[in-house]
Amino acid sequence: MPKSLRSPRQVLLQALLIEARKGKGLTQADVAGALGKPQSYVAKYENGERRLDVVELIDITMVLNISVADVLYRLQMLPH
């Protein structure tokens, strides 16, 4: 299966992370600071310019105080 930055699952992941961040009242800079990364890191995964690996996703969900299991469950419900 080819990797795509525009697959339905990737787009949903971006939307879920943006929704969680905004729902917590956090800016991209807030999340980036908590991760020890530049603001552009958050902007790139939110805009679909870069993919996240599993460890990065776990770190981000911890900062956002959301369940990585819930995020993965929602992603697995979409067809390949």
C-alpha atoms as a PDB file:
ATOM      1  CA  MET A   1       0.000   0.000   0.000  1.00  0.00           C
ATOM      2  CA  PRO A   2       1.606   3.320  -1.029  1.00  0.00           C
ATOM      3  CA  LYS A   3       2.081   6.037   1.570  1.00  0.00           C
ATOM      4  CA  SER A   4       0.175   9.220   0.916  1.00  0.00           C
ATOM      5  CA  LEU A   5       0.001  12.563   2.642  1.00  0.00           C
ATOM      6  CA  ARG A   6      -3.539  12.957   1.309  1.00  0.00           C
ATOM      7  CA  SER A   7      -5.080   9.580   2.136  1.00  0.00           C
ATOM      8  CA  PRO A   8      -8.437   9.658   3.944  1.00  0.00           C
ATOM      9  CA  ARG A   9      -6.806   8.359   7.119  1.00  0.00           C
ATOM     10  CA  GLN A  10      -4.048  10.956   6.999  1.00  0.00           C
ATOM     11  CA  VAL A  11      -6.574  13.762   6.463  1.00  0.00           C
ATOM     12  CA  LEU A  12      -8.680  12.451   9.365  1.00  0.00           C
ATOM     13  CA  LEU A  13      -5.629  12.266  11.627  1.00  0.00           C
ATOM     14  CA  GLN A  14      -4.794  15.883  10.829  1.00  0.00           C
ATOM     15  CA  ALA A  15      -8.373  16.929  11.572  1.00  0.00           C
ATOM     16  CA  LEU A  16      -8.483  15.018  14.874  1.00  0.00           C
ATOM     17  CA  LEU A  17      -5.243  16.570  16.092  1.00  0.00           C
ATOM     18  CA  ILE A  18      -6.283  20.076  15.057  1.00  0.00           C
ATOM     19  CA  GLU A  19      -9.683  19.654  16.716  1.00  0.00           C
ATOM     20  CA  ALA A  20      -8.078  18.404  19.939  1.00  0.00           C
ATOM     21  CA  ARG A  21      -5.536  21.234  20.004  1.00  0.00           C
ATOM     22  CA  LYS A  22      -8.129  23.923  19.404  1.00  0.00           C
ATOM     23  CA  GLY A  23     -10.542  22.282  21.841  1.00  0.00           C
ATOM     24  CA  LYS A  24      -7.908  22.635  24.563  1.00  0.00           C
ATOM     25  CA  GLY A  25      -7.375  26.292  23.634  1.00  0.00           C
ATOM     26  CA  LEU A  26      -3.777  25.645  22.586  1.00  0.00           C
ATOM     27  CA  THR A  27      -1.845  27.272  19.782  1.00  0.00           C
ATOM     28  CA  GLN A  28       0.572  25.447  17.521  1.00  0.00           C
ATOM     29  CA  ALA A  29       3.342  27.211  19.421  1.00  0.00           C
ATOM     30  CA  ASP A  30       1.993  25.885  22.746  1.00  0.00           C
ATOM     31  CA  VAL A  31       2.029  22.292  21.486  1.00  0.00           C
ATOM     32  CA  ALA A  32       5.431  22.704  19.867  1.00  0.00           C
ATOM     33  CA  GLY A  33       6.886  24.147  23.064  1.00  0.00           C
ATOM     34  CA  ALA A  34       5.582  21.218  25.112  1.00  0.00           C
ATOM     35  CA  LEU A  35       7.166  18.846  22.592  1.00  0.00           C
ATOM     36  CA  GLY A  36      10.460  20.737  22.485  1.00  0.00           C
ATOM     37  CA  LYS A  37      10.001  21.376  18.763  1.00  0.00           C
ATOM     38  CA  PRO A  38       9.638  24.493  16.607  1.00  0.00           C
ATOM     39  CA  GLN A  39       6.133  25.721  15.757  1.00  0.00           C
ATOM     40  CA  SER A  40       6.749  24.702  12.145  1.00  0.00           C
ATOM     41  CA  TYR A  41       6.805  21.031  13.251  1.00  0.00           C
ATOM     42  CA  VAL A  42       3.159  21.274  14.344  1.00  0.00           C
ATOM     43  CA  ALA A  43       2.206  23.330  11.297  1.00  0.00           C
ATOM     44  CA  LYS A  44       3.702  20.724   8.962  1.00  0.00           C
ATOM     45  CA  TYR A  45       1.832  17.742  10.386  1.00  0.00           C
ATOM     46  CA  GLU A  46      -1.394  19.731  10.698  1.00  0.00           C
ATOM     47  CA  ASN A  47      -1.114  20.921   7.088  1.00  0.00           C
ATOM     48  CA  GLY A  48      -0.256  17.470   5.772  1.00  0.00           C
ATOM     49  CA  GLU A  49       3.302  18.323   4.794  1.00  0.00           C
ATOM     50  CA  ARG A  50       4.755  15.569   6.977  1.00  0.00           C
ATOM     51  CA  ARG A  51       3.674  12.240   8.411  1.00  0.00           C
ATOM     52  CA  LEU A  52       3.980  11.266  12.049  1.00  0.00           C
ATOM     53  CA  ASP A  53       5.517   8.079  13.324  1.00  0.00           C
ATOM     54  CA  VAL A  54       3.896   6.186  16.198  1.00  0.00           C
ATOM     55  CA  VAL A  55       6.199   7.595  18.861  1.00  0.00           C
ATOM     56  CA  GLU A  56       5.546  11.161  17.680  1.00  0.00           C
ATOM     57  CA  LEU A  57       1.788  10.513  17.684  1.00  0.00           C
ATOM     58  CA  ILE A  58       1.967   9.218  21.264  1.00  0.00           C
ATOM     59  CA  ASP A  59       3.936  12.300  22.354  1.00  0.00           C
ATOM     60  CA  ILE A  60       1.431  14.627  20.693  1.00  0.00           C
ATOM     61  CA  THR A  61      -1.601  12.887  22.192  1.00  0.00           C
ATOM     62  CA  MET A  62       0.030  13.104  25.624  1.00  0.00           C
ATOM     63  CA  VAL A  63       0.506  16.864  25.213  1.00  0.00           C
ATOM     64  CA  LEU A  64      -3.111  17.198  24.035  1.00  0.00           C
ATOM     65  CA  ASN A  65      -4.312  14.935  26.857  1.00  0.00           C
ATOM     66  CA  ILE A  66      -6.236  12.677  24.489  1.00  0.00           C
ATOM     67  CA  SER A  67      -6.171   8.925  24.126  1.00  0.00           C
ATOM     68  CA  VAL A  68      -3.931   7.593  21.377  1.00  0.00           C
ATOM     69  CA  ALA A  69      -6.130   4.473  21.411  1.00  0.00           C
ATOM     70  CA  ASP A  70      -9.204   6.574  20.606  1.00  0.00           C
ATOM     71  CA  VAL A  71      -7.385   8.303  17.761  1.00  0.00           C
ATOM     72  CA  LEU A  72      -6.220   4.974  16.317  1.00  0.00           C
ATOM     73  CA  TYR A  73      -9.689   3.469  16.679  1.00  0.00           C
ATOM     74  CA  ARG A  74     -11.205   6.303  14.661  1.00  0.00           C
ATOM     75  CA  LEU A  75      -8.528   5.928  12.000  1.00  0.00           C
ATOM     76  CA  GLN A  76      -9.027   2.182  11.659  1.00  0.00           C
ATOM     77  CA  MET A  77     -12.735   2.674  10.978  1.00  0.00           C
ATOM     78  CA  LEU A  78     -11.958   4.267   7.605  1.00  0.00           C
ATOM     79  CA  PRO A  79     -11.400   1.994   4.614  1.00  0.00           C
ATOM     80  CA  HIS A  80      -7.819   1.639   3.334  1.00  0.00           C
END
